[in-house]
């Protein structure tokens, strides 16, 4: 199952693969957030695709929202906004 998780995550972030590897080596917070994202993404996938697991829509929405928040945080590291500070 772990290889599937990594494949889905890598597909989503394939263009930034090298940047992600670098950040995971040098930034503990990024590494922790990325791991949490992988875990939440895997959990969401399992909940959405399993016919044996039944959860409420509210729970599914909460997991989805948390996964999206983590993905957005990762994207912010990968594509930092340049602040415009007028002089």
N, C-alpha and C. Protein backbone atom coordinates (compact mmCIF):
# COMPACT_ATOMS: atom_id res chain seq x y z
N UNK A 1 0.82 -1.19 0.00
CA UNK A 1 0.00 0.00 0.00
C UNK A 1 0.86 1.26 0.00
N UNK A 2 1.98 1.19 0.66
CA UNK A 2 2.87 2.35 0.73
C UNK A 2 3.35 2.79 -0.65
N UNK A 3 3.63 1.84 -1.53
CA UNK A 3 4.09 2.22 -2.86
C UNK A 3 2.99 2.93 -3.64
N UNK A 4 1.73 2.53 -3.46
CA UNK A 4 0.62 3.22 -4.11
C UNK A 4 0.52 4.65 -3.61
N UNK A 5 0.64 4.82 -2.31
CA UNK A 5 0.58 6.14 -1.71
C UNK A 5 1.66 7.03 -2.32
N UNK A 6 2.87 6.52 -2.37
CA UNK A 6 3.98 7.30 -2.90
C UNK A 6 3.77 7.61 -4.38
N UNK A 7 3.22 6.67 -5.13
CA UNK A 7 2.97 6.90 -6.55
C UNK A 7 1.95 8.02 -6.75
N UNK A 8 0.86 7.99 -5.98
CA UNK A 8 -0.16 9.04 -6.11
C UNK A 8 0.41 10.40 -5.73
N UNK A 9 1.17 10.44 -4.65
CA UNK A 9 1.77 11.70 -4.21
C UNK A 9 2.78 12.18 -5.23
N UNK A 10 3.61 11.27 -5.74
CA UNK A 10 4.61 11.66 -6.73
C UNK A 10 3.96 12.16 -8.01
N UNK A 11 2.87 11.55 -8.42
CA UNK A 11 2.18 12.02 -9.62
C UNK A 11 1.70 13.46 -9.44
N UNK A 12 1.17 13.75 -8.27
CA UNK A 12 0.65 15.08 -8.00
C UNK A 12 1.78 16.12 -7.99
N UNK A 13 2.93 15.74 -7.45
CA UNK A 13 4.04 16.67 -7.29
C UNK A 13 5.23 16.33 -8.18
N UNK A 14 5.02 15.58 -9.24
CA UNK A 14 6.11 15.13 -10.10
C UNK A 14 7.02 16.26 -10.59
N UNK A 15 6.49 17.37 -11.06
CA UNK A 15 7.39 18.43 -11.54
C UNK A 15 8.31 19.00 -10.45
N UNK A 16 7.90 18.86 -9.19
CA UNK A 16 8.70 19.41 -8.08
C UNK A 16 9.45 18.33 -7.31
N UNK A 17 9.61 17.16 -7.91
CA UNK A 17 10.22 16.02 -7.22
C UNK A 17 11.57 16.38 -6.59
N UNK A 18 12.44 17.03 -7.34
CA UNK A 18 13.77 17.37 -6.82
C UNK A 18 13.68 18.40 -5.71
N UNK A 19 12.83 19.37 -5.89
CA UNK A 19 12.65 20.40 -4.86
C UNK A 19 12.10 19.79 -3.57
N UNK A 20 11.18 18.86 -3.70
CA UNK A 20 10.62 18.18 -2.53
C UNK A 20 11.70 17.39 -1.80
N UNK A 21 12.51 16.67 -2.55
CA UNK A 21 13.60 15.90 -1.93
C UNK A 21 14.54 16.81 -1.16
N UNK A 22 14.86 17.94 -1.75
CA UNK A 22 15.74 18.91 -1.09
C UNK A 22 15.10 19.46 0.19
N UNK A 23 13.85 19.83 0.10
CA UNK A 23 13.15 20.36 1.27
C UNK A 23 13.03 19.32 2.37
N UNK A 24 12.77 18.08 2.01
CA UNK A 24 12.66 17.02 3.01
C UNK A 24 13.99 16.79 3.72
N UNK A 25 15.08 16.98 3.00
CA UNK A 25 16.41 16.82 3.62
C UNK A 25 16.76 17.98 4.54
N UNK A 26 16.33 19.18 4.18
CA UNK A 26 16.82 20.38 4.86
C UNK A 26 15.80 21.10 5.74
N UNK A 27 14.56 20.69 5.70
CA UNK A 27 13.54 21.42 6.45
C UNK A 27 12.67 20.41 7.19
N UNK A 28 12.88 20.32 8.51
CA UNK A 28 12.15 19.34 9.31
C UNK A 28 10.64 19.58 9.25
N UNK A 29 10.22 20.83 9.31
CA UNK A 29 8.78 21.13 9.28
C UNK A 29 8.16 20.68 7.95
N UNK A 30 8.84 20.96 6.84
CA UNK A 30 8.32 20.52 5.54
C UNK A 30 8.21 19.00 5.51
N UNK A 31 9.24 18.33 6.00
CA UNK A 31 9.25 16.86 6.01
C UNK A 31 8.06 16.33 6.81
N UNK A 32 7.79 16.93 7.97
CA UNK A 32 6.68 16.50 8.81
C UNK A 32 5.34 16.75 8.13
N UNK A 33 5.18 17.94 7.54
CA UNK A 33 3.93 18.27 6.84
C UNK A 33 3.73 17.35 5.64
N UNK A 34 4.80 17.08 4.91
CA UNK A 34 4.69 16.22 3.73
C UNK A 34 4.30 14.80 4.13
N UNK A 35 4.89 14.30 5.21
CA UNK A 35 4.52 12.96 5.70
C UNK A 35 3.05 12.93 6.13
N UNK A 36 2.62 13.97 6.83
CA UNK A 36 1.22 14.03 7.26
C UNK A 36 0.30 14.09 6.04
N UNK A 37 0.70 14.84 5.03
CA UNK A 37 -0.08 14.92 3.79
C UNK A 37 -0.20 13.53 3.15
N UNK A 38 0.91 12.82 3.08
CA UNK A 38 0.89 11.47 2.49
C UNK A 38 -0.06 10.56 3.26
N UNK A 39 0.00 10.64 4.60
CA UNK A 39 -0.84 9.80 5.44
C UNK A 39 -2.33 10.16 5.24
N UNK A 40 -2.64 11.46 5.28
CA UNK A 40 -4.03 11.90 5.13
C UNK A 40 -4.55 11.59 3.73
N UNK A 41 -3.70 11.75 2.74
CA UNK A 41 -4.08 11.46 1.37
C UNK A 41 -4.40 9.98 1.21
N UNK A 42 -3.60 9.14 1.82
CA UNK A 42 -3.83 7.69 1.78
C UNK A 42 -5.12 7.33 2.51
N UNK A 43 -5.34 7.94 3.67
CA UNK A 43 -6.57 7.68 4.42
C UNK A 43 -7.79 8.11 3.61
N UNK A 44 -7.72 9.28 3.00
CA UNK A 44 -8.82 9.77 2.18
C UNK A 44 -9.09 8.82 1.02
N UNK A 45 -8.03 8.38 0.35
CA UNK A 45 -8.18 7.44 -0.76
C UNK A 45 -8.89 6.16 -0.29
N UNK A 46 -8.45 5.63 0.84
CA UNK A 46 -9.05 4.41 1.36
C UNK A 46 -10.52 4.61 1.71
N UNK A 47 -10.84 5.74 2.32
CA UNK A 47 -12.23 6.01 2.70
C UNK A 47 -13.13 6.18 1.47
N UNK A 48 -12.61 6.81 0.45
CA UNK A 48 -13.40 7.08 -0.75
C UNK A 48 -13.58 5.85 -1.63
N UNK A 49 -12.64 4.93 -1.58
CA UNK A 49 -12.68 3.80 -2.52
C UNK A 49 -13.08 2.48 -1.89
N UNK A 50 -13.13 2.40 -0.58
CA UNK A 50 -13.46 1.14 0.08
C UNK A 50 -14.97 0.95 0.16
N UNK A 51 -15.39 -0.23 -0.22
CA UNK A 51 -16.82 -0.56 -0.07
C UNK A 51 -17.10 -1.14 1.31
N UNK A 52 -16.04 -1.43 2.07
CA UNK A 52 -16.18 -2.04 3.39
C UNK A 52 -16.18 -1.02 4.51
N UNK A 53 -15.71 0.19 4.24
CA UNK A 53 -15.62 1.22 5.27
C UNK A 53 -16.76 2.20 5.06
N UNK A 54 -17.52 2.43 6.12
CA UNK A 54 -18.62 3.38 6.04
C UNK A 54 -18.38 4.51 7.04
N UNK A 55 -18.29 5.72 6.53
CA UNK A 55 -18.09 6.89 7.39
C UNK A 55 -19.09 7.96 6.97
N UNK A 56 -19.31 8.89 7.87
CA UNK A 56 -20.25 9.97 7.57
C UNK A 56 -19.64 10.93 6.55
N UNK A 57 -20.50 11.63 5.85
CA UNK A 57 -20.04 12.64 4.90
C UNK A 57 -19.26 13.73 5.61
N UNK A 58 -19.67 14.08 6.84
CA UNK A 58 -18.97 15.10 7.61
C UNK A 58 -17.53 14.69 7.88
N UNK A 59 -17.32 13.42 8.26
CA UNK A 59 -15.97 12.94 8.52
C UNK A 59 -15.15 12.95 7.24
N UNK A 60 -15.73 12.47 6.16
CA UNK A 60 -15.04 12.45 4.88
C UNK A 60 -14.67 13.86 4.44
N UNK A 61 -15.58 14.80 4.63
CA UNK A 61 -15.30 16.20 4.29
C UNK A 61 -14.19 16.78 5.16
N UNK A 62 -14.16 16.40 6.44
CA UNK A 62 -13.11 16.90 7.34
C UNK A 62 -11.74 16.37 6.92
N UNK A 63 -11.66 15.10 6.57
CA UNK A 63 -10.39 14.52 6.12
C UNK A 63 -9.97 15.19 4.81
N UNK A 64 -10.91 15.39 3.92
CA UNK A 64 -10.62 16.05 2.65
C UNK A 64 -10.13 17.48 2.87
N UNK A 65 -10.78 18.21 3.76
CA UNK A 65 -10.38 19.58 4.04
C UNK A 65 -8.97 19.64 4.63
N UNK A 66 -8.68 18.75 5.57
CA UNK A 66 -7.34 18.73 6.18
C UNK A 66 -6.28 18.38 5.14
N UNK A 67 -6.58 17.43 4.26
CA UNK A 67 -5.65 17.06 3.20
C UNK A 67 -5.39 18.25 2.28
N UNK A 68 -6.44 18.98 1.94
CA UNK A 68 -6.30 20.16 1.08
C UNK A 68 -5.48 21.26 1.75
N UNK A 69 -5.66 21.44 3.05
CA UNK A 69 -4.88 22.44 3.79
C UNK A 69 -3.40 22.07 3.75
N UNK A 70 -3.09 20.80 3.98
CA UNK A 70 -1.70 20.35 3.94
C UNK A 70 -1.12 20.51 2.54
N UNK A 71 -1.91 20.17 1.52
CA UNK A 71 -1.43 20.33 0.14
C UNK A 71 -1.15 21.80 -0.17
N UNK A 72 -2.01 22.67 0.30
CA UNK A 72 -1.80 24.11 0.08
C UNK A 72 -0.52 24.58 0.77
N UNK A 73 -0.28 24.08 1.98
CA UNK A 73 0.95 24.45 2.69
C UNK A 73 2.18 23.96 1.93
N UNK A 74 2.12 22.75 1.39
CA UNK A 74 3.22 22.22 0.59
C UNK A 74 3.42 23.08 -0.65
N UNK A 75 2.33 23.42 -1.32
CA UNK A 75 2.43 24.27 -2.51
C UNK A 75 3.06 25.63 -2.17
N UNK A 76 2.75 26.16 -1.00
CA UNK A 76 3.35 27.44 -0.59
C UNK A 76 4.86 27.33 -0.43
N UNK A 77 5.35 26.18 0.02
CA UNK A 77 6.79 25.97 0.10
C UNK A 77 7.40 25.83 -1.29
N UNK A 78 6.68 25.16 -2.16
CA UNK A 78 7.21 24.91 -3.50
C UNK A 78 7.14 26.13 -4.40
N UNK A 79 6.18 26.99 -4.15
CA UNK A 79 5.98 28.19 -4.97
C UNK A 79 5.76 29.39 -4.06
N UNK A 80 6.80 29.81 -3.35
CA UNK A 80 6.61 30.93 -2.42
C UNK A 80 6.21 32.21 -3.15
N UNK A 81 5.31 32.94 -2.54
CA UNK A 81 4.87 34.21 -3.10
C UNK A 81 5.95 35.26 -2.87
N UNK A 82 6.19 36.05 -3.88
CA UNK A 82 7.14 37.15 -3.75
C UNK A 82 6.35 38.35 -3.26
N UNK A 83 6.76 38.83 -2.10
CA UNK A 83 6.05 39.97 -1.53
C UNK A 83 6.50 41.25 -2.21
N UNK A 84 5.54 42.06 -2.54
CA UNK A 84 5.83 43.37 -3.12
C UNK A 84 5.82 44.40 -2.00
N UNK A 85 6.96 44.91 -1.70
CA UNK A 85 7.08 45.93 -0.67
C UNK A 85 7.45 47.24 -1.34
N UNK A 86 6.45 48.10 -1.56
CA UNK A 86 6.78 49.39 -2.20
C UNK A 86 7.66 50.23 -1.29
N UNK A 87 8.56 50.93 -1.91
CA UNK A 87 9.49 51.76 -1.14
C UNK A 87 8.92 53.13 -0.95
